[in-house]
Protein backbone atom coordinates (compact mmCIF):
# COMPACT_ATOMS: atom_id res chain seq x y z
CA MET A 1 96.06 87.62 115.24
CA THR A 2 92.68 86.57 115.03
CA VAL A 3 91.79 90.63 115.64
CA PRO A 4 92.74 91.74 112.93
CA PHE A 5 91.86 88.56 110.52
CA ILE A 6 88.42 89.21 111.26
CA LEU A 7 88.54 93.06 111.43
CA ALA A 8 90.01 94.11 108.06
CA PRO A 9 87.78 92.17 105.87
CA ILE A 10 84.85 93.73 107.68
CA VAL A 11 85.78 97.30 107.50
CA SER A 12 87.21 97.39 103.71
CA ALA A 13 83.85 95.78 102.87
CA SER A 14 82.04 98.58 105.04
CA ILE A 15 84.12 101.29 103.20
CA GLY A 16 83.14 99.41 99.86
CA TYR A 17 79.72 99.32 100.67
CA TRP A 18 79.15 102.82 101.79
CA SER A 19 81.41 104.03 99.06
CA VAL A 20 78.77 102.52 96.08
CA GLN A 21 76.06 103.54 98.23
CA LEU A 22 76.86 106.87 97.88
CA GLY A 23 77.48 107.10 94.93
CA LEU A 24 81.49 108.00 95.65
CA ALA A 25 82.29 104.30 93.81
CA GLY A 26 81.01 102.79 90.75
CA LYS A 27 79.34 99.36 90.77
CA ALA A 28 81.58 96.05 89.73
CA ILE A 29 80.39 95.08 85.90
CA THR A 30 82.65 92.44 85.48
CA GLN A 31 84.39 90.05 87.73
CA THR A 32 88.35 90.40 87.27
CA PRO A 33 91.29 87.44 88.32
CA TRP A 34 91.76 87.01 92.41
CA PRO A 35 95.81 87.78 91.54
CA THR A 36 94.85 90.98 89.66
CA PRO A 37 96.85 93.96 91.59
CA ILE A 38 94.60 96.22 94.11
CA GLY A 39 93.19 99.08 92.55
CA ILE A 40 94.17 97.81 88.80
CA GLY A 41 91.24 94.89 89.14
CA VAL A 42 88.61 97.48 90.37
CA TYR A 43 89.70 99.78 88.10
CA VAL A 44 88.75 97.36 85.31
CA GLY A 45 86.13 95.40 86.94
CA SER A 46 84.16 98.79 87.43
CA GLY A 47 84.06 99.43 84.04
CA GLY A 48 87.04 102.13 84.53
CA ASN A 49 85.72 104.06 87.21
CA ILE A 50 88.56 106.70 89.04
CA GLY A 51 86.67 106.44 92.64
CA ALA A 52 86.63 102.74 93.18
CA PHE A 53 90.50 102.58 92.29
CA VAL A 54 90.65 105.42 94.69
CA VAL A 55 88.40 102.99 97.20
CA ALA A 56 90.54 100.32 96.74
CA LEU A 57 93.54 101.89 97.71
CA ILE A 58 91.59 103.53 100.91
CA CYS A 59 90.71 100.16 101.74
CA ALA A 60 93.95 98.90 101.57
CA LEU A 61 95.27 101.66 103.54
CA ALA A 62 92.42 100.61 106.32
CA ALA A 63 93.72 97.16 106.21
CA PHE A 64 97.40 97.97 106.80
CA VAL A 65 96.47 99.90 109.68
CA ILE A 66 94.65 97.64 111.05
CA TRP A 67 97.16 94.77 110.73
CA TYR A 68 100.13 96.66 111.51
CA PRO A 69 100.07 96.95 115.24
CA PHE A 70 99.45 93.15 115.93
CA ILE A 71 102.40 92.43 113.40
CA LYS A 72 104.34 94.89 115.40
CA MET A 73 103.94 93.38 118.46
CA TYR A 74 104.70 89.50 117.04
CA ASP A 75 108.07 91.21 115.66
CA THR A 76 108.50 92.36 118.63
CA LYS A 77 107.99 89.13 120.65
CA LEU A 78 110.01 87.22 118.06
CA TYR A 79 113.27 89.22 118.71
CA LYS A 80 112.97 89.12 122.50
CA GLU A 81 113.13 85.16 122.04
CA GLU A 82 116.01 85.70 119.26
CA MET A 83 117.91 88.10 121.52
CA ASN A 84 117.31 86.10 124.73
CA GLY A 85 118.77 82.76 122.19
CA ALA A 86 121.41 84.46 121.41
CA GLU A 87 122.44 85.16 124.99
CA ALA A 88 121.90 81.94 126.14
CA ILE A 89 124.66 80.76 123.81
CA GLN A 90 127.50 83.06 124.44
């Protein structure tokens, strides 16, 4: 789980950086509280920039795509362990 833990923020930060540099998303003008939902905090923090909202959703999707295979492998491993334990009980 170390790989996605390191890779997902790097990819998201790169997407965000380049989208601001290319003018696809507005720069942050205010800081929003950290528990603000994805997209809403960026929309408010950028002064209502729709591009920033879209980029935030793209970053969340990129992080999901990076994390999903690792979570699926871990889930499969736990499932196999659970099935082996159930067979041992019977």
